[in-house]
Amino acid sequence: MTRGSVAAALLLLTPACGDGGDPGTTDDGALLEVDVPATGRVFLRLATPEIALPEGDGAAPTDWDLALSGYDVFTNSGLSGPGEGGALPIGLEDYRAGELPNTPFLLTDDSGGAFSRWYAYDGEEHVAFSRYHVHAIEHEGRYWKLQIFSFYGEVDGAPITALYQLRYAEVLPDGSGPTVDIQDLDATAGGIDAVETEPSACLDLAGNRQLMLTPEEARASADWNVCFRRTLVSVNGELGGPGTTRAADLQADASDSEELAEVKARTAASEQARFDAADHAALSDPAVPYRGDHIATAFTGRWLEPGATPPAPAKDAAWLVQGADGVSRFVIVIERFEGATEASPGRVRMRVKQVE
């Protein structure tokens, strides 16, 4: 797509007023309407607001603040760009009441997936404790549930890190299949440095087998569903690999409120009921946010209304967005999608207001 076509086709900035139409500016800010492609990114400069036209793929310049691609929203930070941006979800009612968080911690764009928060870390003991969340995995219409117990095993009586203890089971419409318990799944990858030439364990859930693959081999293979490498657990889809596996953390919403002491008290026995309760209806629910591994941002899993058909923006939500300059801040309110499909929200109607 040429720069001219982007500017002409992807941005409609409504005038300040119009006969019988919505005003261009309200208390929520200036109206911006952007046609979002299913692939490729549309870059936005929020101060104006307007389409930004960075060189190449936008990886180098800092003259953009927000980018949209399909159902992904990126800030100019972390893995998405070289800027000092970031974002934070805030309540729409709080924003309209003038209650913005004071110098908040902003989320930058980083790698993530269903397993990105599978453990809680005890900084005093330097120990990772599993949250015992149930992770749902989907591949070609089949479903599995997987629960990690521990990151630690033993060899000759000595504790070893990255030897996983876990269980999984296929989940069928008429009930769950046999539970597979795995002890000492080898994710050591040669030690703490995890040398790229050292393999680690990957699971082929349909084949009920373990594969030892290097990162290069995993990136080229569709024969696995979930790979374990030190603390990293990845799924074979999107950025995770060439396959079509998708996964979701069924208790993801609880992560921010879980106390470390609460997590440390959990055991395989105490969390058996949680594992057993994950049935086919729960895993096949359209509201479950299945994805492969991807770039996770403040918008990921938060800006869409769960289970909405067609897809729609989350209700009563707004975002505090920091610009690429690391200083400017804006509030974004997504009003609606027009022409949404499975691949793209179509035209996104949003409000943009500079607050700093």
Protein backbone atom coordinates (compact mmCIF):
# COMPACT_ATOMS: atom_id res chain seq x y z
CA MET A 1 0.00 0.00 0.00
CA THR A 2 1.40 3.39 -0.95
CA ARG A 3 1.69 6.32 1.41
CA GLY A 4 -0.87 8.24 -0.58
CA SER A 5 -3.44 5.47 -0.40
CA VAL A 6 -2.90 5.15 3.34
CA ALA A 7 -3.48 8.84 3.90
CA ALA A 8 -6.49 8.94 1.61
CA ALA A 9 -8.22 5.71 2.55
CA LEU A 10 -7.36 4.98 6.15
CA LEU A 11 -8.03 8.22 8.00
CA LEU A 12 -11.19 10.25 8.34
CA LEU A 13 -10.83 13.14 10.75
CA THR A 14 -14.30 14.57 11.32
CA PRO A 15 -14.61 18.37 11.22
CA ALA A 16 -15.29 20.31 14.40
CA CYS A 17 -19.00 20.37 13.71
CA GLY A 18 -21.50 19.28 11.10
CA ASP A 19 -25.18 19.48 10.22
CA GLY A 20 -26.90 16.75 12.22
CA GLY A 21 -23.65 14.79 12.64
CA ASP A 22 -21.55 14.01 15.65
CA PRO A 23 -19.26 16.84 16.73
CA GLY A 24 -15.62 16.36 15.94
CA THR A 25 -14.58 17.19 19.50
CA THR A 26 -16.30 16.31 22.76
CA ASP A 27 -15.15 16.05 26.36
CA ASP A 28 -13.66 12.68 25.36
CA GLY A 29 -11.45 14.35 22.74
CA ALA A 30 -11.16 14.61 18.96
CA LEU A 31 -12.86 12.03 16.78
CA LEU A 32 -10.58 9.80 14.74
CA GLU A 33 -11.81 7.08 12.39
CA VAL A 34 -9.29 4.60 11.03
CA ASP A 35 -9.78 1.73 8.57
CA VAL A 36 -7.71 -1.13 9.96
CA PRO A 37 -6.30 -3.79 7.62
CA ALA A 38 -6.20 -7.47 8.54
CA THR A 39 -2.44 -7.49 7.88
CA GLY A 40 0.10 -4.71 8.00
CA ARG A 41 -0.05 -1.79 10.40
CA VAL A 42 -1.73 1.60 10.41
CA PHE A 43 0.40 4.06 12.40
CA LEU A 44 -1.09 6.97 14.34
CA ARG A 45 0.39 10.18 15.70
CA LEU A 46 -1.85 11.12 18.60
CA ALA A 47 -1.06 14.79 19.19
CA THR A 48 -2.78 15.88 15.98
CA PRO A 49 -4.31 13.17 15.73
CA GLU A 50 -3.40 11.86 12.31
CA ILE A 51 -1.95 8.98 10.31
CA ALA A 52 1.81 8.74 10.66
CA LEU A 53 3.90 7.54 7.73
CA PRO A 54 7.13 6.11 9.18
CA GLU A 55 9.80 4.76 6.91
CA GLY A 56 9.67 1.05 6.14
CA ASP A 57 7.80 -1.04 8.69
CA GLY A 58 7.92 1.56 11.45
CA ALA A 59 10.50 -0.32 13.50
CA ALA A 60 13.00 2.54 13.55
CA PRO A 61 11.23 5.93 13.69
CA THR A 62 9.72 7.43 16.82
CA ASP A 63 7.25 9.67 14.98
CA TRP A 64 4.28 7.40 15.74
CA ASP A 65 2.54 6.59 19.01
CA LEU A 66 -0.04 3.89 18.29
CA ALA A 67 -0.44 1.24 15.58
CA LEU A 68 -3.33 -1.03 14.67
CA SER A 69 -3.28 -4.31 12.75
CA GLY A 70 -6.26 -6.64 12.67
CA TYR A 71 -7.30 -7.03 16.29
CA ASP A 72 -3.90 -5.99 17.68
CA VAL A 73 -3.09 -2.55 19.06
CA PHE A 74 0.57 -1.64 19.59
CA THR A 75 2.35 1.20 21.36
CA ASN A 76 5.73 2.54 20.27
CA SER A 77 7.65 0.63 22.92
CA GLY A 78 9.40 -2.64 23.66
CA LEU A 79 9.15 -5.16 20.84
CA SER A 80 6.87 -2.93 18.76
CA GLY A 81 9.09 0.11 18.34
CA PRO A 82 12.06 2.10 19.63
CA GLY A 83 10.00 4.79 21.37
CA GLU A 84 9.34 5.36 25.06
CA GLY A 85 5.63 4.70 24.79
CA GLY A 86 3.32 2.41 26.69
CA ALA A 87 -0.26 2.26 27.87
CA LEU A 88 -2.51 1.38 30.77
CA PRO A 89 -6.21 0.39 30.80
CA ILE A 90 -8.33 2.74 32.92
CA GLY A 91 -12.01 2.91 33.75
CA LEU A 92 -14.09 5.10 31.47
CA GLU A 93 -16.13 6.40 34.41
CA ASP A 94 -12.97 7.30 36.32
CA TYR A 95 -11.60 9.16 33.30
CA ARG A 96 -14.79 11.12 32.80
CA ALA A 97 -14.80 11.96 36.50
CA GLY A 98 -11.32 13.42 36.10
CA GLU A 99 -9.65 10.63 38.05
CA LEU A 100 -6.55 9.69 36.08
CA PRO A 101 -3.88 7.59 37.79
CA ASN A 102 -1.01 9.71 39.06
CA THR A 103 2.32 8.87 37.32
CA PRO A 104 1.18 5.26 36.74
CA PHE A 105 3.29 2.29 35.81
CA LEU A 106 2.70 1.81 32.08
CA LEU A 107 2.75 -1.50 30.23
CA THR A 108 5.21 -1.70 27.35
CA ASP A 109 4.91 -4.10 24.42
CA ASP A 110 6.55 -7.44 25.16
CA SER A 111 6.35 -11.06 24.09
CA GLY A 112 3.47 -12.91 25.62
CA GLY A 113 0.99 -15.68 25.32
CA ALA A 114 -1.31 -17.81 27.39
CA PHE A 115 1.57 -18.98 29.63
CA SER A 116 3.29 -15.63 30.11
CA ARG A 117 2.16 -15.40 33.75
CA TRP A 118 2.07 -19.06 34.72
CA TYR A 119 4.16 -18.48 37.87
CA ALA A 120 4.53 -15.99 40.70
CA TYR A 121 8.08 -15.12 41.76
CA ASP A 122 9.27 -14.94 45.36
CA GLY A 123 12.09 -12.40 45.25
CA GLU A 124 13.31 -13.24 48.75
CA GLU A 125 13.61 -16.97 48.21
CA HIS A 126 14.31 -16.62 44.45
CA VAL A 127 11.77 -19.30 43.70
CA ALA A 128 9.08 -19.47 41.02
CA PHE A 129 5.75 -20.83 42.28
CA SER A 130 3.14 -22.09 39.86
CA ARG A 131 -0.21 -20.33 40.02
CA TYR A 132 -1.85 -23.68 39.15
CA HIS A 133 -3.99 -21.95 36.53
CA VAL A 134 -5.68 -24.22 34.03
CA HIS A 135 -4.49 -23.49 30.51
CA ALA A 136 -6.84 -24.35 27.65
CA ILE A 137 -5.24 -25.46 24.38
CA GLU A 138 -7.01 -25.72 21.03
CA HIS A 139 -5.66 -27.32 17.87
CA GLU A 140 -7.71 -28.10 14.77
CA GLY A 141 -10.94 -28.34 16.73
CA ARG A 142 -9.56 -30.49 19.56
CA TYR A 143 -9.17 -29.25 23.13
CA TRP A 144 -6.81 -30.01 25.99
CA LYS A 145 -6.36 -28.63 29.49
CA LEU A 146 -2.92 -28.34 31.10
CA GLN A 147 -1.92 -27.45 34.64
CA ILE A 148 1.67 -26.85 35.77
CA PHE A 149 2.60 -27.96 39.30
CA SER A 150 6.21 -27.00 39.64
CA PHE A 151 9.34 -25.70 37.92
CA TYR A 152 11.58 -27.92 40.04
CA GLY A 153 12.61 -31.57 40.05
CA GLU A 154 15.36 -33.70 41.54
CA VAL A 155 18.35 -35.51 40.13
CA ASP A 156 20.24 -37.81 42.52
CA GLY A 157 18.51 -36.08 45.42
CA ALA A 158 19.57 -32.58 44.35
CA PRO A 159 16.98 -29.95 43.32
CA ILE A 160 17.15 -28.95 39.66
CA THR A 161 15.42 -26.02 38.01
CA ALA A 162 13.45 -26.31 34.76
CA LEU A 163 12.29 -29.87 35.36
CA TYR A 164 8.55 -29.35 35.09
CA GLN A 165 5.87 -31.29 36.92
CA LEU A 166 2.47 -31.04 35.21
CA ARG A 167 -0.68 -32.78 34.07
CA TYR A 168 -2.86 -32.55 30.98
CA ALA A 169 -5.91 -34.22 29.47
CA GLU A 170 -7.87 -34.04 26.27
CA VAL A 171 -11.33 -32.55 26.79
CA LEU A 172 -14.12 -34.11 24.74
CA PRO A 173 -17.83 -33.23 24.45
CA ASP A 174 -18.77 -36.26 26.55
CA GLY A 175 -16.05 -35.78 29.18
CA SER A 176 -12.31 -35.62 29.69
CA GLY A 177 -9.91 -38.26 28.49
CA PRO A 178 -7.30 -39.86 30.76
CA THR A 179 -5.13 -37.42 32.70
CA VAL A 180 -1.46 -37.62 31.73
CA ASP A 181 0.90 -36.85 34.62
CA ILE A 182 4.42 -35.81 33.64
CA GLN A 183 7.34 -35.72 36.02
CA ASP A 184 10.63 -33.96 35.34
CA LEU A 185 9.85 -32.64 31.86
CA ASP A 186 13.28 -31.49 30.71
CA ALA A 187 13.30 -27.75 29.98
CA THR A 188 16.81 -27.21 31.32
CA ALA A 189 18.15 -26.30 27.85
CA GLY A 190 21.73 -26.74 28.96
CA GLY A 191 21.48 -24.48 32.01
CA ILE A 192 20.59 -20.91 32.94
CA ASP A 193 22.10 -19.47 29.76
CA ALA A 194 19.84 -21.70 27.64
CA VAL A 195 22.26 -22.03 24.74
CA GLU A 196 20.45 -21.96 21.39
CA THR A 197 22.03 -25.25 20.31
CA GLU A 198 20.66 -27.11 23.35
CA PRO A 199 17.21 -28.75 22.97
CA SER A 200 14.36 -28.64 25.44
CA ALA A 201 11.09 -30.52 25.79
CA CYS A 202 8.03 -29.94 23.63
CA LEU A 203 4.71 -31.77 23.88
CA ASP A 204 2.77 -33.29 21.01
CA LEU A 205 -0.57 -33.53 22.79
CA ALA A 206 -2.44 -35.47 20.12
CA GLY A 207 0.39 -38.00 19.87
CA ASN A 208 0.96 -38.06 23.64
CA ARG A 209 4.71 -37.77 23.17
CA GLN A 210 7.64 -35.57 24.12
CA LEU A 211 10.06 -34.10 21.58
CA MET A 212 13.45 -32.60 22.39
CA LEU A 213 13.88 -29.63 20.04
CA THR A 214 16.27 -26.72 19.73
CA PRO A 215 14.66 -23.29 19.19
CA GLU A 216 15.57 -23.48 15.49
CA GLU A 217 13.96 -26.91 15.16
CA ALA A 218 10.84 -25.76 17.02
CA ARG A 219 10.47 -22.73 14.74
CA ALA A 220 10.47 -25.07 11.71
CA SER A 221 8.20 -27.81 13.06
CA ALA A 222 4.42 -28.12 13.27
CA ASP A 223 4.70 -31.42 15.17
CA TRP A 224 4.43 -29.91 18.66
CA ASN A 225 1.80 -27.96 20.57
CA VAL A 226 3.54 -26.63 23.70
CA CYS A 227 7.28 -26.10 24.29
CA PHE A 228 9.06 -25.59 27.60
CA ARG A 229 12.42 -23.79 27.77
CA ARG A 230 13.57 -22.63 31.18
CA THR A 231 10.69 -20.46 32.48
CA LEU A 232 9.35 -19.79 28.97
CA VAL A 233 6.33 -21.82 27.88
CA SER A 234 5.27 -21.24 24.27
CA VAL A 235 2.57 -22.55 21.95
CA ASN A 236 2.97 -23.45 18.29
CA GLY A 237 1.08 -20.59 16.67
CA GLU A 238 1.64 -17.00 15.50
CA LEU A 239 5.08 -15.93 16.82
CA GLY A 240 5.50 -19.22 18.69
CA GLY A 241 5.87 -21.44 15.65
CA PRO A 242 4.50 -22.47 12.24
CA GLY A 243 1.58 -24.45 13.63
CA THR A 244 -2.00 -23.46 14.39
CA THR A 245 -2.11 -24.19 18.13
CA ARG A 246 -3.87 -21.62 20.29
CA ALA A 247 -4.08 -21.36 24.07
CA ALA A 248 -5.64 -19.34 26.87
CA ASP A 249 -5.20 -18.98 30.61
CA LEU A 250 -8.65 -19.67 32.05
CA GLN A 251 -7.81 -17.79 35.26
CA ALA A 252 -5.87 -14.92 33.67
CA ASP A 253 -8.10 -12.29 35.23
CA ALA A 254 -7.08 -13.44 38.71
CA SER A 255 -3.34 -12.95 38.21
CA ASP A 256 -3.17 -9.31 39.33
CA SER A 257 -5.04 -9.94 42.58
CA GLU A 258 -3.34 -13.18 43.64
CA GLU A 259 -1.20 -12.82 46.76
CA LEU A 260 2.13 -14.64 46.80
CA ALA A 261 1.24 -16.44 50.04
CA GLU A 262 -1.97 -17.67 48.44
CA VAL A 263 -0.10 -19.00 45.41
CA LYS A 264 2.56 -20.69 47.53
CA ALA A 265 -0.09 -22.58 49.50
CA ARG A 266 -1.49 -24.29 46.40
CA THR A 267 -0.74 -27.93 45.66
CA ALA A 268 -1.64 -30.45 42.98
CA ALA A 269 -4.21 -31.91 45.36
CA SER A 270 -5.77 -28.59 46.35
CA GLU A 271 -6.12 -27.55 42.69
CA GLN A 272 -7.41 -30.88 41.38
CA ALA A 273 -10.99 -29.61 41.50
CA ARG A 274 -10.09 -26.59 39.37
CA PHE A 275 -8.51 -28.90 36.80
CA ASP A 276 -11.47 -31.29 36.80
CA ALA A 277 -14.00 -28.46 36.41
CA ALA A 278 -12.55 -27.35 33.05
CA ASP A 279 -14.98 -29.18 30.80
CA HIS A 280 -15.77 -29.01 27.09
CA ALA A 281 -18.35 -26.25 27.53
CA ALA A 282 -15.78 -24.10 29.32
CA LEU A 283 -13.01 -24.68 26.77
CA SER A 284 -15.21 -24.25 23.69
CA ASP A 285 -16.87 -21.06 24.96
CA PRO A 286 -16.47 -18.33 22.28
CA ALA A 287 -15.46 -15.90 25.01
CA VAL A 288 -12.21 -17.80 25.71
CA PRO A 289 -9.45 -15.59 24.20
CA TYR A 290 -7.43 -18.25 22.37
CA ARG A 291 -4.22 -17.04 20.70
CA GLY A 292 -0.82 -18.22 19.65
CA ASP A 293 2.24 -16.47 21.03
CA HIS A 294 2.25 -12.79 20.12
CA ILE A 295 3.34 -9.32 21.13
CA ALA A 296 1.33 -8.52 24.24
CA THR A 297 0.34 -4.92 24.96
CA ALA A 298 -1.90 -3.05 27.38
CA PHE A 299 -4.72 -3.60 24.88
CA THR A 300 -4.24 -7.37 24.46
CA GLY A 301 -7.22 -9.27 25.82
CA ARG A 302 -8.72 -6.07 27.18
CA TRP A 303 -9.98 -3.90 24.33
CA LEU A 304 -12.54 -6.37 22.93
CA GLU A 305 -15.87 -7.22 24.52
CA PRO A 306 -15.71 -10.95 25.43
CA GLY A 307 -17.89 -13.11 23.20
CA ALA A 308 -19.33 -10.21 21.18
CA THR A 309 -20.57 -11.15 17.69
CA PRO A 310 -19.61 -9.32 15.60
CA PRO A 311 -16.53 -8.20 17.54
CA ALA A 312 -17.01 -4.96 19.46
CA PRO A 313 -14.83 -2.76 21.69
CA ALA A 314 -14.91 -3.35 25.43
CA LYS A 315 -17.56 -1.43 27.28
CA ASP A 316 -16.71 1.24 29.85
CA ALA A 317 -12.99 1.09 29.02
CA ALA A 318 -10.39 3.70 28.14
CA TRP A 319 -6.61 3.71 27.79
CA LEU A 320 -3.95 6.05 29.01
CA VAL A 321 -1.31 6.05 26.25
CA GLN A 322 2.15 7.52 26.50
CA GLY A 323 3.58 8.90 23.28
CA ALA A 324 6.83 7.77 21.72
CA ASP A 325 8.55 10.82 23.25
CA GLY A 326 8.06 9.38 26.73
CA VAL A 327 6.41 12.59 27.93
CA SER A 328 3.13 13.23 26.10
CA ARG A 329 0.11 11.34 27.38
CA PHE A 330 -3.28 10.79 25.84
CA VAL A 331 -6.54 9.09 26.72
CA ILE A 332 -8.04 6.85 24.02
CA VAL A 333 -11.73 5.91 24.07
CA ILE A 334 -12.84 3.34 21.48
CA GLU A 335 -16.46 4.08 20.57
CA ARG A 336 -17.32 1.40 18.03
CA PHE A 337 -16.31 -0.77 15.07
CA GLU A 338 -17.96 -0.47 11.67
CA GLY A 339 -17.80 -3.44 9.29
CA ALA A 340 -16.00 -5.77 11.70
CA THR A 341 -14.99 -9.21 10.39
CA GLU A 342 -13.10 -12.13 11.93
CA ALA A 343 -9.85 -10.63 10.64
CA SER A 344 -10.30 -6.93 11.33
CA PRO A 345 -12.48 -4.49 13.26
CA GLY A 346 -12.99 -2.61 10.00
CA ARG A 347 -13.33 1.10 10.68
CA VAL A 348 -12.42 1.92 14.27
CA ARG A 349 -14.07 5.01 15.68
CA MET A 350 -12.11 6.43 18.61
CA ARG A 351 -11.66 9.60 20.63
CA VAL A 352 -8.20 10.98 21.36
CA LYS A 353 -7.52 13.56 24.08
CA GLN A 354 -4.13 14.83 25.20
CA VAL A 355 -3.91 15.01 29.01
CA GLU A 356 -0.20 15.85 29.47
